[in-house]
């Protein structure tokens, strides 16, 4: 069975924060704490969004009333999946167990060429 690289998008809520940069740092740190040590091979990064007006790429974080929603990108290698859909389900299940109550969405599944 083939191996896949699966990219998931996660929505992380950060409360009582003063800036977008602080929210991003807290979201990445908290995600890392929940994933380690069992899932230490999951790569965590802040997502990006294009500005609808100018097209510039911005960090995926939105701050209102000292509460931020941070979009994170999580990448994991899934071994021996039947197909792309199966690989995405495995990734969501494995990561979802560590990140309880964090919404996850598969955004990319790529066959790993050996």
PDB file of N, CA and C in Angstrom:
ATOM      1  N   UNK A   1       0.840  -1.183   0.000  1.00  0.00           N
ATOM      2  CA  UNK A   1       0.000   0.000   0.000  1.00  0.00           C
ATOM      3  C   UNK A   1       0.882   1.243   0.000  1.00  0.00           C
ATOM      4  N   UNK A   2       0.445   2.277  -0.668  1.00  0.00           N
ATOM      5  CA  UNK A   2       1.269   3.486  -0.791  1.00  0.00           C
ATOM      6  C   UNK A   2       1.270   4.368   0.466  1.00  0.00           C
ATOM      7  N   UNK A   3       2.239   5.257   0.488  1.00  0.00           N
ATOM      8  CA  UNK A   3       2.371   6.241   1.567  1.00  0.00           C
ATOM      9  C   UNK A   3       1.974   7.618   1.027  1.00  0.00           C
ATOM     10  N   UNK A   4       1.463   8.470   1.919  1.00  0.00           N
ATOM     11  CA  UNK A   4       0.984   9.791   1.510  1.00  0.00           C
ATOM     12  C   UNK A   4       1.464  10.873   2.476  1.00  0.00           C
ATOM     13  N   UNK A   5       1.582  12.084   1.955  1.00  0.00           N
ATOM     14  CA  UNK A   5       1.753  13.271   2.788  1.00  0.00           C
ATOM     15  C   UNK A   5       0.386  13.953   2.846  1.00  0.00           C
ATOM     16  N   UNK A   6      -0.113  14.159   4.056  1.00  0.00           N
ATOM     17  CA  UNK A   6      -1.430  14.765   4.232  1.00  0.00           C
ATOM     18  C   UNK A   6      -1.253  16.117   4.916  1.00  0.00           C
ATOM     19  N   UNK A   7      -1.901  17.131   4.370  1.00  0.00           N
ATOM     20  CA  UNK A   7      -1.898  18.468   4.951  1.00  0.00           C
ATOM     21  C   UNK A   7      -3.291  18.772   5.466  1.00  0.00           C
ATOM     22  N   UNK A   8      -3.351  19.116   6.753  1.00  0.00           N
ATOM     23  CA  UNK A   8      -4.611  19.468   7.385  1.00  0.00           C
ATOM     24  C   UNK A   8      -4.605  20.942   7.768  1.00  0.00           C
ATOM     25  N   UNK A   9      -5.772  21.528   7.760  1.00  0.00           N
ATOM     26  CA  UNK A   9      -5.962  22.893   8.225  1.00  0.00           C
ATOM     27  C   UNK A   9      -6.670  22.803   9.576  1.00  0.00           C
ATOM     28  N   UNK A  10      -6.196  23.567  10.551  1.00  0.00           N
ATOM     29  CA  UNK A  10      -6.792  23.561  11.887  1.00  0.00           C
ATOM     30  C   UNK A  10      -7.169  24.979  12.289  1.00  0.00           C
ATOM     31  N   UNK A  11      -8.287  25.102  12.988  1.00  0.00           N
ATOM     32  CA  UNK A  11      -8.732  26.397  13.507  1.00  0.00           C
ATOM     33  C   UNK A  11      -8.454  26.424  15.002  1.00  0.00           C
ATOM     34  N   UNK A  12      -7.526  27.283  15.432  1.00  0.00           N
ATOM     35  CA  UNK A  12      -7.112  27.337  16.838  1.00  0.00           C
ATOM     36  C   UNK A  12      -7.578  28.643  17.463  1.00  0.00           C
ATOM     37  N   UNK A  13      -8.286  28.572  18.576  1.00  0.00           N
ATOM     38  CA  UNK A  13      -8.806  29.737  19.269  1.00  0.00           C
ATOM     39  C   UNK A  13      -7.869  30.113  20.413  1.00  0.00           C
ATOM     40  N   UNK A  14      -7.474  31.381  20.469  1.00  0.00           N
ATOM     41  CA  UNK A  14      -6.593  31.882  21.527  1.00  0.00           C
ATOM     42  C   UNK A  14      -7.321  33.034  22.218  1.00  0.00           C
ATOM     43  N   UNK A  15      -7.515  32.909  23.527  1.00  0.00           N
ATOM     44  CA  UNK A  15      -8.240  33.933  24.283  1.00  0.00           C
ATOM     45  C   UNK A  15      -7.275  34.799  25.081  1.00  0.00           C
ATOM     46  N   UNK A  16      -7.724  36.019  25.382  1.00  0.00           N
ATOM     47  CA  UNK A  16      -6.981  36.978  26.198  1.00  0.00           C
ATOM     48  C   UNK A  16      -5.580  37.235  25.642  1.00  0.00           C
ATOM     49  N   UNK A  17      -5.531  37.664  24.405  1.00  0.00           N
ATOM     50  CA  UNK A  17      -4.261  37.935  23.723  1.00  0.00           C
ATOM     51  C   UNK A  17      -4.271  39.377  23.218  1.00  0.00           C
ATOM     52  N   UNK A  18      -3.097  39.995  23.169  1.00  0.00           N
ATOM     53  CA  UNK A  18      -3.018  41.409  22.815  1.00  0.00           C
ATOM     54  C   UNK A  18      -2.698  41.683  21.349  1.00  0.00           C
ATOM     55  N   UNK A  19      -2.023  40.735  20.688  1.00  0.00           N
ATOM     56  CA  UNK A  19      -1.646  40.980  19.294  1.00  0.00           C
ATOM     57  C   UNK A  19      -1.758  39.706  18.470  1.00  0.00           C
ATOM     58  N   UNK A  20      -1.812  39.877  17.172  1.00  0.00           N
ATOM     59  CA  UNK A  20      -1.869  38.742  16.255  1.00  0.00           C
ATOM     60  C   UNK A  20      -0.589  37.911  16.374  1.00  0.00           C
ATOM     61  N   UNK A  21       0.556  38.561  16.484  1.00  0.00           N
ATOM     62  CA  UNK A  21       1.820  37.819  16.605  1.00  0.00           C
ATOM     63  C   UNK A  21       1.843  36.966  17.866  1.00  0.00           C
ATOM     64  N   UNK A  22       1.345  37.509  18.974  1.00  0.00           N
ATOM     65  CA  UNK A  22       1.257  36.725  20.213  1.00  0.00           C
ATOM     66  C   UNK A  22       0.317  35.537  20.023  1.00  0.00           C
ATOM     67  N   UNK A  23      -0.804  35.759  19.371  1.00  0.00           N
ATOM     68  CA  UNK A  23      -1.775  34.682  19.148  1.00  0.00           C
ATOM     69  C   UNK A  23      -1.168  33.557  18.310  1.00  0.00           C
ATOM     70  N   UNK A  24      -0.430  33.916  17.279  1.00  0.00           N
ATOM     71  CA  UNK A  24       0.219  32.913  16.431  1.00  0.00           C
ATOM     72  C   UNK A  24       1.221  32.103  17.245  1.00  0.00           C
ATOM     73  N   UNK A  25       2.043  32.787  18.022  1.00  0.00           N
ATOM     74  CA  UNK A  25       3.040  32.102  18.848  1.00  0.00           C
ATOM     75  C   UNK A  25       2.400  31.157  19.851  1.00  0.00           C
ATOM     76  N   UNK A  26       1.339  31.603  20.499  1.00  0.00           N
ATOM     77  CA  UNK A  26       0.639  30.774  21.482  1.00  0.00           C
ATOM     78  C   UNK A  26      -0.010  29.566  20.801  1.00  0.00           C
ATOM     79  N   UNK A  27      -0.646  29.780  19.666  1.00  0.00           N
ATOM     80  CA  UNK A  27      -1.307  28.680  18.953  1.00  0.00           C
ATOM     81  C   UNK A  27      -0.303  27.611  18.536  1.00  0.00           C
ATOM     82  N   UNK A  28       0.835  28.013  17.999  1.00  0.00           N
ATOM     83  CA  UNK A  28       1.845  27.045  17.578  1.00  0.00           C
ATOM     84  C   UNK A  28       2.432  26.315  18.784  1.00  0.00           C
ATOM     85  N   UNK A  29       2.708  27.044  19.873  1.00  0.00           N
ATOM     86  CA  UNK A  29       3.272  26.426  21.074  1.00  0.00           C
ATOM     87  C   UNK A  29       2.297  25.432  21.699  1.00  0.00           C
ATOM     88  N   UNK A  30       1.032  25.814  21.818  1.00  0.00           N
ATOM     89  CA  UNK A  30       0.040  24.919  22.419  1.00  0.00           C
ATOM     90  C   UNK A  30      -0.180  23.676  21.555  1.00  0.00           C
ATOM     91  N   UNK A  31      -0.186  23.858  20.248  1.00  0.00           N
ATOM     92  CA  UNK A  31      -0.327  22.715  19.342  1.00  0.00           C
ATOM     93  C   UNK A  31       0.855  21.765  19.513  1.00  0.00           C
ATOM     94  N   UNK A  32       2.046  22.315  19.556  1.00  0.00           N
ATOM     95  CA  UNK A  32       3.240  21.496  19.748  1.00  0.00           C
ATOM     96  C   UNK A  32       3.213  20.712  21.045  1.00  0.00           C
ATOM     97  N   UNK A  33       2.739  21.338  22.119  1.00  0.00           N
ATOM     98  CA  UNK A  33       2.639  20.650  23.413  1.00  0.00           C
ATOM     99  C   UNK A  33       1.690  19.463  23.334  1.00  0.00           C
ATOM    100  N   UNK A  34       0.570  19.640  22.663  1.00  0.00           N
ATOM    101  CA  UNK A  34      -0.409  18.549  22.572  1.00  0.00           C
ATOM    102  C   UNK A  34       0.067  17.415  21.672  1.00  0.00           C
ATOM    103  N   UNK A  35       0.858  17.751  20.662  1.00  0.00           N
ATOM    104  CA  UNK A  35       1.322  16.733  19.718  1.00  0.00           C
ATOM    105  C   UNK A  35       2.545  15.960  20.224  1.00  0.00           C
ATOM    106  N   UNK A  36       3.350  16.573  21.055  1.00  0.00           N
ATOM    107  CA  UNK A  36       4.588  15.928  21.513  1.00  0.00           C
ATOM    108  C   UNK A  36       4.337  15.092  22.743  1.00  0.00           C
ATOM    109  N   UNK A  37       5.065  14.022  22.969  1.00  0.00           N
ATOM    110  CA  UNK A  37       6.100  13.464  22.102  1.00  0.00           C
ATOM    111  C   UNK A  37       5.559  12.472  21.080  1.00  0.00           C
ATOM    112  N   UNK A  38       4.324  11.998  21.245  1.00  0.00           N
ATOM    113  CA  UNK A  38       3.791  10.935  20.396  1.00  0.00           C
ATOM    114  C   UNK A  38       3.753  11.311  18.916  1.00  0.00           C
ATOM    115  N   UNK A  39       3.355  12.525  18.606  1.00  0.00           N
ATOM    116  CA  UNK A  39       3.226  12.962  17.210  1.00  0.00           C
ATOM    117  C   UNK A  39       4.227  14.069  16.876  1.00  0.00           C
ATOM    118  N   UNK A  40       5.442  13.909  17.331  1.00  0.00           N
ATOM    119  CA  UNK A  40       6.452  14.953  17.136  1.00  0.00           C
ATOM    120  C   UNK A  40       6.838  15.143  15.666  1.00  0.00           C
ATOM    121  N   UNK A  41       6.480  14.202  14.792  1.00  0.00           N
ATOM    122  CA  UNK A  41       6.823  14.330  13.372  1.00  0.00           C
ATOM    123  C   UNK A  41       5.813  15.143  12.578  1.00  0.00           C
ATOM    124  N   UNK A  42       4.771  15.631  13.248  1.00  0.00           N
ATOM    125  CA  UNK A  42       3.799  16.504  12.579  1.00  0.00           C
ATOM    126  C   UNK A  42       4.410  17.890  12.487  1.00  0.00           C
ATOM    127  N   UNK A  43       4.452  18.434  11.289  1.00  0.00           N
ATOM    128  CA  UNK A  43       4.970  19.788  11.097  1.00  0.00           C
ATOM    129  C   UNK A  43       3.824  20.780  11.283  1.00  0.00           C
ATOM    130  N   UNK A  44       4.095  21.821  12.064  1.00  0.00           N
ATOM    131  CA  UNK A  44       3.079  22.831  12.382  1.00  0.00           C
ATOM    132  C   UNK A  44       3.542  24.185  11.855  1.00  0.00           C
ATOM    133  N   UNK A  45       2.667  24.873  11.143  1.00  0.00           N
ATOM    134  CA  UNK A  45       2.981  26.211  10.624  1.00  0.00           C
ATOM    135  C   UNK A  45       1.696  27.030  10.611  1.00  0.00           C
ATOM    136  N   UNK A  46       1.864  28.331  10.584  1.00  0.00           N
ATOM    137  CA  UNK A  46       0.692  29.205  10.474  1.00  0.00           C
ATOM    138  C   UNK A  46       0.253  29.216   9.005  1.00  0.00           C
ATOM    139  N   UNK A  47      -1.052  29.210   8.803  1.00  0.00           N
ATOM    140  CA  UNK A  47      -1.585  29.245   7.451  1.00  0.00           C
ATOM    141  C   UNK A  47      -1.474  30.632   6.849  1.00  0.00           C
ATOM    142  N   UNK A  48      -1.832  30.739   5.591  1.00  0.00           N
ATOM    143  CA  UNK A  48      -1.797  32.048   4.934  1.00  0.00           C
ATOM    144  C   UNK A  48      -3.100  32.271   4.174  1.00  0.00           C
ATOM    145  N   UNK A  49      -3.422  33.542   4.016  1.00  0.00           N
ATOM    146  CA  UNK A  49      -4.640  33.963   3.340  1.00  0.00           C
ATOM    147  C   UNK A  49      -4.276  35.102   2.397  1.00  0.00           C
ATOM    148  N   UNK A  50      -4.920  35.157   1.259  1.00  0.00           N
ATOM    149  CA  UNK A  50      -4.691  36.261   0.323  1.00  0.00           C
ATOM    150  C   UNK A  50      -5.673  37.387   0.604  1.00  0.00           C
ATOM    151  N   UNK A  51      -5.158  38.602   0.629  1.00  0.00           N
ATOM    152  CA  UNK A  51      -6.015  39.776   0.801  1.00  0.00           C
ATOM    153  C   UNK A  51      -6.893  39.917  -0.441  1.00  0.00           C
ATOM    154  N   UNK A  52      -8.217  40.023  -0.265  1.00  0.00           N
ATOM    155  CA  UNK A  52      -9.095  40.139  -1.433  1.00  0.00           C
ATOM    156  C   UNK A  52      -8.906  41.456  -2.202  1.00  0.00           C
ATOM    157  N   UNK A  53      -8.427  42.480  -1.523  1.00  0.00           N
ATOM    158  CA  UNK A  53      -8.276  43.785  -2.171  1.00  0.00           C
ATOM    159  C   UNK A  53      -6.986  43.896  -2.966  1.00  0.00           C
ATOM    160  N   UNK A  54      -5.865  43.500  -2.326  1.00  0.00           N
ATOM    161  CA  UNK A  54      -4.572  43.716  -2.982  1.00  0.00           C
ATOM    162  C   UNK A  54      -3.871  42.432  -3.410  1.00  0.00           C
ATOM    163  N   UNK A  55      -4.342  41.273  -2.925  1.00  0.00           N
ATOM    164  CA  UNK A  55      -3.729  40.012  -3.299  1.00  0.00           C
ATOM    165  C   UNK A  55      -2.513  39.635  -2.472  1.00  0.00           C
ATOM    166  N   UNK A  56      -2.109  40.487  -1.535  1.00  0.00           N
ATOM    167  CA  UNK A  56      -0.950  40.207  -0.698  1.00  0.00           C
ATOM    168  C   UNK A  56      -1.239  39.014   0.215  1.00  0.00           C
ATOM    169  N   UNK A  57      -0.215  38.198   0.471  1.00  0.00           N
ATOM    170  CA  UNK A  57      -0.366  37.045   1.358  1.00  0.00           C
ATOM    171  C   UNK A  57      -0.195  37.486   2.800  1.00  0.00           C
ATOM    172  N   UNK A  58      -1.171  37.105   3.638  1.00  0.00           N
ATOM    173  CA  UNK A  58      -1.175  37.473   5.050  1.00  0.00           C
ATOM    174  C   UNK A  58      -1.261  36.218   5.903  1.00  0.00           C
ATOM    175  N   UNK A  59      -0.772  36.306   7.154  1.00  0.00           N
ATOM    176  CA  UNK A  59      -0.933  35.203   8.092  1.00  0.00           C
ATOM    177  C   UNK A  59      -2.415  34.986   8.361  1.00  0.00           C
ATOM    178  N   UNK A  60      -2.793  33.732   8.531  1.00  0.00           N
ATOM    179  CA  UNK A  60      -4.182  33.375   8.790  1.00  0.00           C
ATOM    180  C   UNK A  60      -4.489  33.526  10.271  1.00  0.00           C
ATOM    181  N   UNK A  61      -4.702  34.749  10.700  1.00  0.00           N
ATOM    182  CA  UNK A  61      -5.036  35.033  12.090  1.00  0.00           C
ATOM    183  C   UNK A  61      -5.930  36.261  12.120  1.00  0.00           C
ATOM    184  N   UNK A  62      -6.939  36.197  12.977  1.00  0.00           N
ATOM    185  CA  UNK A  62      -7.901  37.280  13.068  1.00  0.00           C
ATOM    186  C   UNK A  62      -8.147  37.568  14.545  1.00  0.00           C
ATOM    187  N   UNK A  63      -7.962  38.815  14.946  1.00  0.00           N
ATOM    188  CA  UNK A  63      -8.054  39.206  16.350  1.00  0.00           C
ATOM    189  C   UNK A  63      -9.198  40.196  16.547  1.00  0.00           C
ATOM    190  N   UNK A  64     -10.108  39.859  17.487  1.00  0.00           N
ATOM    191  CA  UNK A  64     -11.220  40.728  17.856  1.00  0.00           C
ATOM    192  C   UNK A  64     -11.451  40.570  19.352  1.00  0.00           C
ATOM    193  N   UNK A  65     -11.540  41.677  20.060  1.00  0.00           N
ATOM    194  CA  UNK A  65     -11.870  41.684  21.493  1.00  0.00           C
ATOM    195  C   UNK A  65     -10.972  40.737  22.290  1.00  0.00           C
ATOM    196  N   UNK A  66      -9.671  40.826  22.028  1.00  0.00           N
ATOM    197  CA  UNK A  66      -8.663  40.031  22.731  1.00  0.00           C
ATOM    198  C   UNK A  66      -8.828  38.522  22.548  1.00  0.00           C
ATOM    199  N   UNK A  67      -9.536  38.115  21.487  1.00  0.00           N
ATOM    200  CA  UNK A  67      -9.699  36.710  21.141  1.00  0.00           C
ATOM    201  C   UNK A  67      -9.302  36.536  19.683  1.00  0.00           C
ATOM    202  N   UNK A  68      -8.438  35.538  19.431  1.00  0.00           N
ATOM    203  CA  UNK A  68      -7.930  35.340  18.071  1.00  0.00           C
ATOM    204  C   UNK A  68      -8.304  33.959  17.545  1.00  0.00           C
ATOM    205  N   UNK A  69      -8.552  33.907  16.258  1.00  0.00           N
ATOM    206  CA  UNK A  69      -8.712  32.654  15.543  1.00  0.00           C
ATOM    207  C   UNK A  69      -7.496  32.537  14.634  1.00  0.00           C
ATOM    208  N   UNK A  70      -6.713  31.480  14.855  1.00  0.00           N
ATOM    209  CA  UNK A  70      -5.483  31.285  14.099  1.00  0.00           C
ATOM    210  C   UNK A  70      -5.641  30.047  13.224  1.00  0.00           C
ATOM    211  N   UNK A  71      -5.375  30.185  11.949  1.00  0.00           N
ATOM    212  CA  UNK A  71      -5.405  29.056  11.021  1.00  0.00           C
ATOM    213  C   UNK A  71      -4.034  28.417  10.970  1.00  0.00           C
ATOM    214  N   UNK A  72      -3.970  27.144  11.338  1.00  0.00           N
ATOM    215  CA  UNK A  72      -2.701  26.421  11.327  1.00  0.00           C
ATOM    216  C   UNK A  72      -2.698  25.379  10.222  1.00  0.00           C
ATOM    217  N   UNK A  73      -1.503  25.064   9.746  1.00  0.00           N
ATOM    218  CA  UNK A  73      -1.295  24.016   8.758  1.00  0.00           C
ATOM    219  C   UNK A  73      -0.505  22.902   9.440  1.00  0.00           C
ATOM    220  N   UNK A  74      -1.033  21.682   9.368  1.00  0.00           N
ATOM    221  CA  UNK A  74      -0.399  20.519   9.978  1.00  0.00           C
ATOM    222  C   UNK A  74      -0.091  19.508   8.877  1.00  0.00           C
ATOM    223  N   UNK A  75       1.157  19.070   8.807  1.00  0.00           N
ATOM    224  CA  UNK A  75       1.555  18.104   7.779  1.00  0.00           C
ATOM    225  C   UNK A  75       2.061  16.832   8.438  1.00  0.00           C
ATOM    226  N   UNK A  76       1.605  15.685   7.924  1.00  0.00           N
ATOM    227  CA  UNK A  76       1.979  14.392   8.482  1.00  0.00           C
ATOM    228  C   UNK A  76       2.129  13.379   7.349  1.00  0.00           C
ATOM    229  N   UNK A  77       3.057  12.444   7.532  1.00  0.00           N
ATOM    230  CA  UNK A  77       3.229  11.361   6.570  1.00  0.00           C
ATOM    231  C   UNK A  77       2.403  10.178   7.065  1.00  0.00           C
ATOM    232  N   UNK A  78       1.566   9.645   6.201  1.00  0.00           N
ATOM    233  CA  UNK A  78       0.718   8.493   6.515  1.00  0.00           C
ATOM    234  C   UNK A  78       1.217   7.297   5.709  1.00  0.00           C
ATOM    235  N   UNK A  79       1.523   6.215   6.413  1.00  0.00           N
ATOM    236  CA  UNK A  79       2.057   5.014   5.777  1.00  0.00           C
ATOM    237  C   UNK A  79       0.942   4.003   5.508  1.00  0.00           C
ATOM    238  N   UNK A  80       1.048   3.319   4.387  1.00  0.00           N
ATOM    239  CA  UNK A  80       0.184   2.180   4.048  1.00  0.00           C
ATOM    240  C   UNK A  80      -1.311   2.496   4.033  1.00  0.00           C
ATOM    241  N   UNK A  81      -1.689   3.579   3.381  1.00  0.00           N
ATOM    242  CA  UNK A  81      -3.104   3.908   3.219  1.00  0.00           C
ATOM    243  C   UNK A  81      -3.604   3.315   1.903  1.00  0.00           C
ATOM    244  N   UNK A  82      -4.867   2.989   1.851  1.00  0.00           N
ATOM    245  CA  UNK A  82      -5.445   2.390   0.656  1.00  0.00           C
ATOM    246  C   UNK A  82      -5.527   3.374  -0.510  1.00  0.00           C
ATOM    247  N   UNK A  83      -5.870   4.637  -0.186  1.00  0.00           N
ATOM    248  CA  UNK A  83      -6.010   5.675  -1.206  1.00  0.00           C
ATOM    249  C   UNK A  83      -5.932   7.040  -0.524  1.00  0.00           C
ATOM    250  N   UNK A  84      -6.114   8.107  -1.297  1.00  0.00           N
ATOM    251  CA  UNK A  84      -6.008   9.466  -0.747  1.00  0.00           C
ATOM    252  C   UNK A  84      -7.056   9.724   0.341  1.00  0.00           C
ATOM    253  N   UNK A  85      -8.272   9.285   0.115  1.00  0.00           N
ATOM    254  CA  UNK A  85      -9.344   9.482   1.087  1.00  0.00           C
ATOM    255  C   UNK A  85      -9.038   8.759   2.398  1.00  0.00           C
ATOM    256  N   UNK A  86      -8.542   7.559   2.293  1.00  0.00           N
ATOM    257  CA  UNK A  86      -8.184   6.779   3.478  1.00  0.00           C
ATOM    258  C   UNK A  86      -7.049   7.459   4.235  1.00  0.00           C
ATOM    259  N   UNK A  87      -6.057   7.974   3.512  1.00  0.00           N
ATOM    260  CA  UNK A  87      -4.933   8.680   4.146  1.00  0.00           C
ATOM    261  C   UNK A  87      -5.431   9.911   4.903  1.00  0.00           C
ATOM    262  N   UNK A  88      -6.354  10.666   4.315  1.00  0.00           N
ATOM    263  CA  UNK A  88      -6.901  11.858   4.976  1.00  0.00           C
ATOM    264  C   UNK A  88      -7.664  11.476   6.239  1.00  0.00           C
ATOM    265  N   UNK A  89      -8.440  10.404   6.183  1.00  0.00           N
ATOM    266  CA  UNK A  89      -9.189   9.947   7.358  1.00  0.00           C
ATOM    267  C   UNK A  89      -8.242   9.520   8.478  1.00  0.00           C
ATOM    268  N   UNK A  90      -7.173   8.819   8.126  1.00  0.00           N
ATOM    269  CA  UNK A  90      -6.191   8.392   9.129  1.00  0.00           C
ATOM    270  C   UNK A  90      -5.550   9.612   9.779  1.00  0.00           C
ATOM    271  N   UNK A  91      -5.127  10.575   8.965  1.00  0.00           N
ATOM    272  CA  UNK A  91      -4.477  11.781   9.492  1.00  0.00           C
ATOM    273  C   UNK A  91      -5.406  12.534  10.436  1.00  0.00           C
ATOM    274  N   UNK A  92      -6.661  12.715  10.032  1.00  0.00           N
ATOM    275  CA  UNK A  92      -7.620  13.426  10.891  1.00  0.00           C
ATOM    276  C   UNK A  92      -7.865  12.669  12.185  1.00  0.00           C
ATOM    277  N   UNK A  93      -7.905  11.364  12.121  1.00  0.00           N
ATOM    278  CA  UNK A  93      -8.123  10.553  13.319  1.00  0.00           C
ATOM    279  C   UNK A  93      -6.942  10.640  14.277  1.00  0.00           C
ATOM    280  N   UNK A  94      -5.735  10.460  13.750  1.00  0.00           N
ATOM    281  CA  UNK A  94      -4.532  10.467  14.582  1.00  0.00           C
ATOM    282  C   UNK A  94      -4.303  11.834  15.219  1.00  0.00           C
ATOM    283  N   UNK A  95      -4.362  12.878  14.415  1.00  0.00           N
ATOM    284  CA  UNK A  95      -4.133  14.226  14.932  1.00  0.00           C
ATOM    285  C   UNK A  95      -5.316  14.678  15.790  1.00  0.00           C
ATOM    286  N   UNK A  96      -6.517  14.301  15.389  1.00  0.00           N
ATOM    287  CA  UNK A  96      -7.712  14.675  16.135  1.00  0.00           C
ATOM    288  C   UNK A  96      -7.730  14.142  17.560  1.00  0.00           C
ATOM    289  N   UNK A  97      -7.111  12.987  17.797  1.00  0.00           N
ATOM    290  CA  UNK A  97      -7.033  12.435  19.153  1.00  0.00           C
ATOM    291  C   UNK A  97      -6.165  13.309  20.052  1.00  0.00           C
ATOM    292  N   UNK A  98      -5.140  13.925  19.484  1.00  0.00           N
ATOM    293  CA  UNK A  98      -4.263  14.806  20.262  1.00  0.00           C
ATOM    294  C   UNK A  98      -4.841  16.216  20.374  1.00  0.00           C
ATOM    295  N   UNK A  99      -5.547  16.655  19.354  1.00  0.00           N
ATOM    296  CA  UNK A  99      -6.098  18.013  19.326  1.00  0.00           C
ATOM    297  C   UNK A  99      -7.620  17.952  19.469  1.00  0.00           C
ATOM    298  N   UNK A 100      -8.069  17.487  20.619  1.00  0.00           N
ATOM    299  CA  UNK A 100      -9.501  17.354  20.888  1.00  0.00           C
ATOM    300  C   UNK A 100     -10.170  18.728  20.801  1.00  0.00           C
ATOM    301  N   UNK A 101     -11.328  18.779  20.202  1.00  0.00           N
ATOM    302  CA  UNK A 101     -12.130  20.001  20.044  1.00  0.00           C
ATOM    303  C   UNK A 101     -11.501  21.048  19.127  1.00  0.00           C
ATOM    304  N   UNK A 102     -10.551  20.640  18.286  1.00  0.00           N
ATOM    305  CA  UNK A 102      -9.962  21.551  17.301  1.00  0.00           C
ATOM    306  C   UNK A 102     -10.477  21.121  15.927  1.00  0.00           C
ATOM    307  N   UNK A 103     -11.183  21.999  15.216  1.00  0.00           N
ATOM    308  CA  UNK A 103     -11.681  21.634  13.887  1.00  0.00           C
ATOM    309  C   UNK A 103     -10.525  21.369  12.918  1.00  0.00           C
ATOM    310  N   UNK A 104     -10.616  20.263  12.188  1.00  0.00           N
ATOM    311  CA  UNK A 104      -9.591  19.878  11.221  1.00  0.00           C
ATOM    312  C   UNK A 104     -10.236  19.643   9.859  1.00  0.00           C
ATOM    313  N   UNK A 105      -9.498  20.013   8.806  1.00  0.00           N
ATOM    314  CA  UNK A 105      -9.972  19.778   7.443  1.00  0.00           C
ATOM    315  C   UNK A 105      -8.773  19.384   6.584  1.00  0.00           C
ATOM    316  N   UNK A 106      -8.903  18.302   5.852  1.00  0.00           N
ATOM    317  CA  UNK A 106      -7.839  17.888   4.925  1.00  0.00           C
ATOM    318  C   UNK A 106      -7.860  18.830   3.726  1.00  0.00           C
ATOM    319  N   UNK A 107      -6.711  19.449   3.446  1.00  0.00           N
ATOM    320  CA  UNK A 107      -6.659  20.380   2.315  1.00  0.00           C
ATOM    321  C   UNK A 107      -5.767  19.887   1.180  1.00  0.00           C
ATOM    322  N   UNK A 108      -4.922  18.876   1.476  1.00  0.00           N
ATOM    323  CA  UNK A 108      -4.055  18.351   0.423  1.00  0.00           C
ATOM    324  C   UNK A 108      -3.586  16.955   0.803  1.00  0.00           C
ATOM    325  N   UNK A 109      -3.599  16.049  -0.153  1.00  0.00           N
ATOM    326  CA  UNK A 109      -3.082  14.693   0.029  1.00  0.00           C
ATOM    327  C   UNK A 109      -2.235  14.385  -1.194  1.00  0.00           C
ATOM    328  N   UNK A 110      -0.955  14.046  -0.953  1.00  0.00           N
ATOM    329  CA  UNK A 110      -0.013  13.809  -2.038  1.00  0.00           C
ATOM    330  C   UNK A 110       0.619  12.435  -1.871  1.00  0.00           C
ATOM    331  N   UNK A 111       0.654  11.668  -2.931  1.00  0.00           N
ATOM    332  CA  UNK A 111       1.302  10.365  -2.920  1.00  0.00           C
ATOM    333  C   UNK A 111       2.802  10.558  -2.726  1.00  0.00           C
ATOM    334  N   UNK A 112       3.376   9.827  -1.782  1.00  0.00           N
ATOM    335  CA  UNK A 112       4.825   9.908  -1.513  1.00  0.00           C
ATOM    336  C   UNK A 112       5.512   8.931  -2.450  1.00  0.00           C
ATOM    337  N   UNK A 113       6.356   9.451  -3.303  1.00  0.00           N
ATOM    338  CA  UNK A 113       7.123   8.620  -4.229  1.00  0.00           C
ATOM    339  C   UNK A 113       8.363   8.086  -3.519  1.00  0.00           C
ATOM    340  N   UNK A 114       8.524   6.790  -3.510  1.00  0.00           N
ATOM    341  CA  UNK A 114       9.688   6.184  -2.833  1.00  0.00           C
ATOM    342  C   UNK A 114      10.902   6.138  -3.711  1.00  0.00           C
TER     343      UNK A 114
END
